[in-house]
């Protein structure tokens, strides 16, 4: 009788662990399939391949760009973007503000005049 009880408890424990694993995988797949929006600043990019975005909390997110990714605006380092993604793949990238333009180089100072005699 004691062996039968231990067998029943073992079967229930294994069944519970298997069900927990299946539910965990289903939650991960559901989360990956739900579109998310990340807003932040472009910190790095490889044209047509990927983009790294630093959000307002300081966390960096890396997204893959495919031929199906919709891009609205010009992506460049320093630009403010909103990235809609599923998992690590960007579905849409909207550029809401460009990077600050580089300052024009300063003109060289005029050469001092030669002393007059």
N, C-alpha and C. Protein backbone atom coordinates (compact mmCIF):
# COMPACT_ATOMS: atom_id res chain seq x y z
N UNK A 1 0.82 -1.20 0.00
CA UNK A 1 0.00 0.00 0.00
C UNK A 1 0.87 1.26 0.00
N UNK A 2 1.95 1.21 0.77
CA UNK A 2 2.84 2.36 0.86
C UNK A 2 3.50 2.62 -0.50
N UNK A 3 3.87 1.54 -1.22
CA UNK A 3 4.49 1.68 -2.54
C UNK A 3 3.50 2.28 -3.53
N UNK A 4 2.25 1.87 -3.46
CA UNK A 4 1.23 2.39 -4.35
C UNK A 4 1.02 3.89 -4.12
N UNK A 5 1.01 4.31 -2.86
CA UNK A 5 0.87 5.73 -2.52
C UNK A 5 2.06 6.54 -3.06
N UNK A 6 3.28 6.01 -2.91
CA UNK A 6 4.48 6.71 -3.41
C UNK A 6 4.44 6.82 -4.94
N UNK A 7 3.95 5.76 -5.60
CA UNK A 7 3.83 5.77 -7.04
C UNK A 7 2.84 6.84 -7.49
N UNK A 8 1.71 6.92 -6.80
CA UNK A 8 0.69 7.91 -7.14
C UNK A 8 1.22 9.33 -6.95
N UNK A 9 1.92 9.56 -5.85
CA UNK A 9 2.49 10.88 -5.59
C UNK A 9 3.52 11.23 -6.65
N UNK A 10 4.34 10.27 -7.04
CA UNK A 10 5.36 10.50 -8.07
C UNK A 10 4.73 10.86 -9.41
N UNK A 11 3.68 10.12 -9.79
CA UNK A 11 2.99 10.39 -11.06
C UNK A 11 2.38 11.78 -11.04
N UNK A 12 1.76 12.16 -9.94
CA UNK A 12 1.17 13.49 -9.83
C UNK A 12 2.24 14.58 -9.91
N UNK A 13 3.36 14.35 -9.26
CA UNK A 13 4.44 15.35 -9.27
C UNK A 13 4.99 15.53 -10.69
N UNK A 14 5.21 14.42 -11.40
CA UNK A 14 5.71 14.51 -12.77
C UNK A 14 4.70 15.21 -13.66
N UNK A 15 3.42 14.88 -13.51
CA UNK A 15 2.37 15.52 -14.30
C UNK A 15 2.33 17.03 -14.03
N UNK A 16 2.45 17.41 -12.79
CA UNK A 16 2.44 18.84 -12.44
C UNK A 16 3.63 19.56 -13.07
N UNK A 17 4.82 18.95 -13.02
CA UNK A 17 6.01 19.58 -13.61
C UNK A 17 5.90 19.71 -15.12
N UNK A 18 5.36 18.69 -15.77
CA UNK A 18 5.19 18.74 -17.23
C UNK A 18 4.22 19.85 -17.60
N UNK A 19 3.11 19.94 -16.89
CA UNK A 19 2.12 20.99 -17.17
C UNK A 19 2.71 22.37 -16.93
N UNK A 20 3.51 22.51 -15.90
CA UNK A 20 4.14 23.81 -15.60
C UNK A 20 5.06 24.21 -16.74
N UNK A 21 5.84 23.27 -17.27
CA UNK A 21 6.74 23.55 -18.39
C UNK A 21 5.99 23.94 -19.63
N UNK A 22 4.88 23.30 -19.93
CA UNK A 22 4.09 23.61 -21.12
C UNK A 22 3.48 24.99 -20.99
N UNK A 23 2.96 25.33 -19.83
CA UNK A 23 2.37 26.65 -19.62
C UNK A 23 3.44 27.72 -19.72
N UNK A 24 4.63 27.46 -19.17
CA UNK A 24 5.73 28.42 -19.25
C UNK A 24 6.12 28.70 -20.68
N UNK A 25 6.19 27.66 -21.53
CA UNK A 25 6.52 27.85 -22.94
C UNK A 25 5.43 28.61 -23.67
N UNK A 26 4.18 28.33 -23.34
CA UNK A 26 3.06 29.02 -23.98
C UNK A 26 3.10 30.51 -23.63
N UNK A 27 3.42 30.83 -22.38
CA UNK A 27 3.51 32.23 -21.98
C UNK A 27 4.64 32.94 -22.72
N UNK A 28 5.77 32.27 -22.88
CA UNK A 28 6.91 32.88 -23.58
C UNK A 28 6.55 33.12 -25.05
N UNK A 29 5.88 32.17 -25.69
CA UNK A 29 5.49 32.35 -27.09
C UNK A 29 4.47 33.47 -27.23
N UNK A 30 3.52 33.53 -26.29
CA UNK A 30 2.49 34.58 -26.34
C UNK A 30 3.14 35.95 -26.17
N UNK A 31 4.11 36.05 -25.24
CA UNK A 31 4.78 37.31 -25.01
C UNK A 31 5.57 37.75 -26.25
N UNK A 32 6.24 36.80 -26.91
CA UNK A 32 7.01 37.12 -28.11
C UNK A 32 6.10 37.55 -29.26
N UNK A 33 4.86 37.04 -29.29
CA UNK A 33 3.94 37.35 -30.38
C UNK A 33 3.21 38.68 -30.16
N UNK A 34 3.26 39.22 -28.95
CA UNK A 34 2.57 40.47 -28.65
C UNK A 34 3.46 41.64 -29.05
N UNK A 35 2.97 42.54 -29.92
CA UNK A 35 3.79 43.69 -30.32
C UNK A 35 4.08 44.60 -29.13
N UNK A 36 5.30 45.09 -29.07
CA UNK A 36 5.71 46.02 -28.02
C UNK A 36 6.30 47.26 -28.68
N UNK A 37 6.18 48.40 -28.01
CA UNK A 37 6.77 49.63 -28.52
C UNK A 37 7.87 50.08 -27.57
N UNK A 38 9.03 50.36 -28.12
CA UNK A 38 10.17 50.86 -27.35
C UNK A 38 10.50 52.24 -27.88
N UNK A 39 10.56 53.21 -26.97
CA UNK A 39 10.90 54.58 -27.35
C UNK A 39 12.26 54.92 -26.78
N UNK A 40 13.10 55.53 -27.59
CA UNK A 40 14.42 55.89 -27.09
C UNK A 40 15.29 56.49 -28.17
N UNK A 41 16.60 56.46 -27.91
CA UNK A 41 17.58 57.07 -28.80
C UNK A 41 18.44 55.99 -29.44
N UNK A 42 18.68 56.14 -30.74
CA UNK A 42 19.51 55.19 -31.47
C UNK A 42 20.95 55.34 -30.99
N UNK A 43 21.54 54.24 -30.51
CA UNK A 43 22.93 54.27 -30.05
C UNK A 43 23.88 53.62 -31.04
N UNK A 44 23.35 52.71 -31.86
CA UNK A 44 24.17 52.05 -32.88
C UNK A 44 23.26 51.47 -33.94
N UNK A 45 23.80 51.29 -35.14
CA UNK A 45 22.99 50.70 -36.21
C UNK A 45 23.88 50.16 -37.31
N UNK A 46 23.35 49.16 -37.98
CA UNK A 46 23.95 48.65 -39.21
C UNK A 46 22.82 48.72 -40.22
N UNK A 47 22.97 49.57 -41.23
CA UNK A 47 21.90 49.84 -42.19
C UNK A 47 21.34 48.54 -42.77
N UNK A 48 20.01 48.41 -42.67
CA UNK A 48 19.32 47.26 -43.23
C UNK A 48 19.45 45.98 -42.44
N UNK A 49 20.18 46.01 -41.31
CA UNK A 49 20.38 44.77 -40.54
C UNK A 49 19.86 44.86 -39.12
N UNK A 50 20.34 45.85 -38.35
CA UNK A 50 19.89 45.96 -36.95
C UNK A 50 20.04 47.38 -36.44
N UNK A 51 19.43 47.58 -35.28
CA UNK A 51 19.44 48.90 -34.63
C UNK A 51 19.46 48.68 -33.12
N UNK A 52 20.21 49.50 -32.40
CA UNK A 52 20.24 49.47 -30.94
C UNK A 52 19.62 50.75 -30.43
N UNK A 53 18.68 50.62 -29.48
CA UNK A 53 17.96 51.77 -28.95
C UNK A 53 18.08 51.78 -27.43
N UNK A 54 18.47 52.92 -26.87
CA UNK A 54 18.57 53.08 -25.42
C UNK A 54 17.30 53.78 -24.95
N UNK A 55 16.53 53.10 -24.08
CA UNK A 55 15.27 53.69 -23.61
C UNK A 55 15.51 54.68 -22.48
N UNK A 56 14.43 55.31 -22.01
CA UNK A 56 14.55 56.36 -20.99
C UNK A 56 15.05 55.82 -19.65
N UNK A 57 14.99 54.51 -19.43
CA UNK A 57 15.51 53.91 -18.20
C UNK A 57 16.98 53.55 -18.32
N UNK A 58 17.55 53.73 -19.52
CA UNK A 58 18.96 53.44 -19.73
C UNK A 58 19.24 52.04 -20.24
N UNK A 59 18.19 51.25 -20.48
CA UNK A 59 18.37 49.89 -20.98
C UNK A 59 18.49 49.92 -22.50
N UNK A 60 19.45 49.18 -23.04
CA UNK A 60 19.64 49.12 -24.49
C UNK A 60 18.95 47.89 -25.06
N UNK A 61 18.18 48.10 -26.13
CA UNK A 61 17.44 47.04 -26.82
C UNK A 61 18.00 46.94 -28.24
N UNK A 62 18.20 45.71 -28.73
CA UNK A 62 18.70 45.51 -30.09
C UNK A 62 17.60 44.85 -30.91
N UNK A 63 17.32 45.43 -32.08
CA UNK A 63 16.27 44.94 -32.96
C UNK A 63 16.85 44.59 -34.32
N UNK A 64 16.31 43.53 -34.92
CA UNK A 64 16.68 43.13 -36.26
C UNK A 64 15.79 43.86 -37.25
N UNK A 65 16.38 44.37 -38.33
CA UNK A 65 15.62 45.03 -39.38
C UNK A 65 15.55 44.07 -40.57
N UNK A 66 14.34 43.87 -41.09
CA UNK A 66 14.17 42.99 -42.25
C UNK A 66 13.59 43.80 -43.41
N UNK A 67 13.39 43.12 -44.53
CA UNK A 67 12.80 43.81 -45.69
C UNK A 67 11.34 44.17 -45.43
N UNK A 68 10.72 43.54 -44.42
CA UNK A 68 9.33 43.83 -44.07
C UNK A 68 9.19 44.95 -43.03
N UNK A 69 10.31 45.42 -42.48
CA UNK A 69 10.26 46.49 -41.48
C UNK A 69 9.87 47.80 -42.16
N UNK A 70 8.81 48.45 -41.62
CA UNK A 70 8.36 49.74 -42.13
C UNK A 70 9.18 50.82 -41.44
N UNK A 71 9.83 51.67 -42.21
CA UNK A 71 10.68 52.73 -41.64
C UNK A 71 10.14 54.08 -42.07
N UNK A 72 9.83 54.93 -41.08
CA UNK A 72 9.30 56.27 -41.33
C UNK A 72 10.33 57.29 -40.87
N UNK A 73 11.11 57.83 -41.78
CA UNK A 73 12.13 58.81 -41.44
C UNK A 73 13.52 58.25 -41.67
N UNK A 74 14.52 59.07 -41.37
CA UNK A 74 15.91 58.66 -41.56
C UNK A 74 16.51 58.23 -40.22
N UNK A 75 16.93 56.98 -40.17
CA UNK A 75 17.52 56.45 -38.94
C UNK A 75 19.01 56.77 -38.93
N UNK A 76 19.47 57.38 -37.84
CA UNK A 76 20.89 57.62 -37.65
C UNK A 76 21.17 57.66 -36.15
N UNK A 77 22.41 57.46 -35.79
CA UNK A 77 22.80 57.48 -34.38
C UNK A 77 22.43 58.82 -33.77
N UNK A 78 21.76 58.78 -32.63
CA UNK A 78 21.32 60.00 -31.93
C UNK A 78 19.88 60.36 -32.20
N UNK A 79 19.25 59.72 -33.20
CA UNK A 79 17.85 60.02 -33.53
C UNK A 79 16.92 59.43 -32.47
N UNK A 80 15.82 60.11 -32.21
CA UNK A 80 14.78 59.61 -31.31
C UNK A 80 13.83 58.75 -32.13
N UNK A 81 13.55 57.53 -31.67
CA UNK A 81 12.72 56.61 -32.44
C UNK A 81 11.70 55.90 -31.55
N UNK A 82 10.63 55.44 -32.20
CA UNK A 82 9.64 54.56 -31.60
C UNK A 82 9.70 53.27 -32.41
N UNK A 83 10.06 52.16 -31.76
CA UNK A 83 10.19 50.88 -32.46
C UNK A 83 9.08 49.95 -32.00
N UNK A 84 8.25 49.50 -32.95
CA UNK A 84 7.23 48.49 -32.66
C UNK A 84 7.83 47.16 -33.09
N UNK A 85 7.85 46.21 -32.15
CA UNK A 85 8.53 44.94 -32.43
C UNK A 85 7.76 43.76 -31.88
N UNK A 86 8.08 42.60 -32.42
CA UNK A 86 7.65 41.32 -31.88
C UNK A 86 8.92 40.55 -31.61
N UNK A 87 9.19 40.31 -30.34
CA UNK A 87 10.45 39.67 -30.00
C UNK A 87 11.59 40.62 -30.33
N UNK A 88 12.58 40.13 -31.05
CA UNK A 88 13.72 40.96 -31.42
C UNK A 88 13.64 41.53 -32.81
N UNK A 89 12.51 41.35 -33.49
CA UNK A 89 12.35 41.85 -34.86
C UNK A 89 11.54 43.13 -34.89
N UNK A 90 12.10 44.15 -35.50
CA UNK A 90 11.39 45.43 -35.63
C UNK A 90 10.36 45.31 -36.74
N UNK A 91 9.11 45.65 -36.43
CA UNK A 91 8.06 45.67 -37.44
C UNK A 91 7.92 47.07 -38.04
N UNK A 92 8.10 48.09 -37.17
CA UNK A 92 7.97 49.47 -37.64
C UNK A 92 8.90 50.36 -36.82
N UNK A 93 9.56 51.29 -37.49
CA UNK A 93 10.44 52.25 -36.83
C UNK A 93 10.01 53.64 -37.28
N UNK A 94 9.61 54.47 -36.30
CA UNK A 94 9.22 55.85 -36.60
C UNK A 94 10.27 56.78 -35.99
N UNK A 95 10.86 57.61 -36.81
CA UNK A 95 11.84 58.58 -36.33
C UNK A 95 11.07 59.83 -35.93
N UNK A 96 11.15 60.19 -34.64
CA UNK A 96 10.39 61.34 -34.16
C UNK A 96 11.26 62.57 -33.99
N UNK A 97 12.55 62.41 -34.00
CA UNK A 97 13.45 63.55 -33.87
C UNK A 97 14.82 63.14 -34.34
N UNK A 98 15.44 63.99 -35.11
CA UNK A 98 16.76 63.66 -35.64
C UNK A 98 17.86 63.94 -34.65
N UNK A 99 19.01 63.45 -34.96
CA UNK A 99 20.19 63.74 -34.15
C UNK A 99 20.54 65.21 -34.32
N UNK A 100 21.15 65.77 -33.32
CA UNK A 100 21.58 67.16 -33.42
C UNK A 100 22.62 67.27 -34.53
N UNK A 101 22.47 68.23 -35.42
CA UNK A 101 23.45 68.35 -36.49
C UNK A 101 24.82 68.70 -35.91
N UNK A 102 25.84 68.21 -36.55
CA UNK A 102 27.20 68.51 -36.09
C UNK A 102 27.46 70.00 -36.27
N UNK A 103 28.14 70.56 -35.30
CA UNK A 103 28.46 71.99 -35.38
C UNK A 103 29.44 72.23 -36.51
N UNK A 104 29.25 73.33 -37.21
CA UNK A 104 30.16 73.68 -38.31
C UNK A 104 31.52 73.99 -37.71
N UNK A 105 32.59 73.59 -38.39
CA UNK A 105 33.92 73.88 -37.85
C UNK A 105 34.14 75.39 -37.81
N UNK A 106 34.85 75.81 -36.80
CA UNK A 106 35.13 77.25 -36.65
C UNK A 106 36.11 77.69 -37.73
N UNK A 107 35.90 78.92 -38.21
CA UNK A 107 36.81 79.47 -39.21
C UNK A 107 38.15 79.73 -38.54
N UNK A 108 39.23 79.54 -39.27
CA UNK A 108 40.55 79.79 -38.67
C UNK A 108 40.70 81.27 -38.32
N UNK A 109 41.41 81.51 -37.28
CA UNK A 109 41.65 82.90 -36.85
C UNK A 109 42.53 83.59 -37.90
N UNK A 110 42.27 84.87 -38.15
CA UNK A 110 43.10 85.56 -39.15
C UNK A 110 44.55 85.63 -38.68
N UNK A 111 45.45 85.56 -39.64
CA UNK A 111 46.88 85.63 -39.31
C UNK A 111 47.21 87.03 -38.83
N UNK A 112 48.09 87.12 -37.84
CA UNK A 112 48.44 88.47 -37.36
C UNK A 112 49.17 89.25 -38.45
N UNK A 113 48.92 90.55 -38.46
CA UNK A 113 49.56 91.40 -39.47
C UNK A 113 51.03 91.60 -39.12
N UNK A 114 51.79 91.70 -40.16
CA UNK A 114 53.24 91.94 -39.96
C UNK A 114 53.43 93.39 -39.48
N UNK A 115 54.36 93.62 -38.59
CA UNK A 115 54.58 95.00 -38.09
C UNK A 115 55.04 95.92 -39.23
N UNK A 116 54.52 97.14 -39.21
CA UNK A 116 54.86 98.13 -40.24
C UNK A 116 56.09 98.93 -39.78
N UNK A 117 57.00 99.20 -40.67
CA UNK A 117 58.20 99.96 -40.33
C UNK A 117 58.11 101.37 -40.74
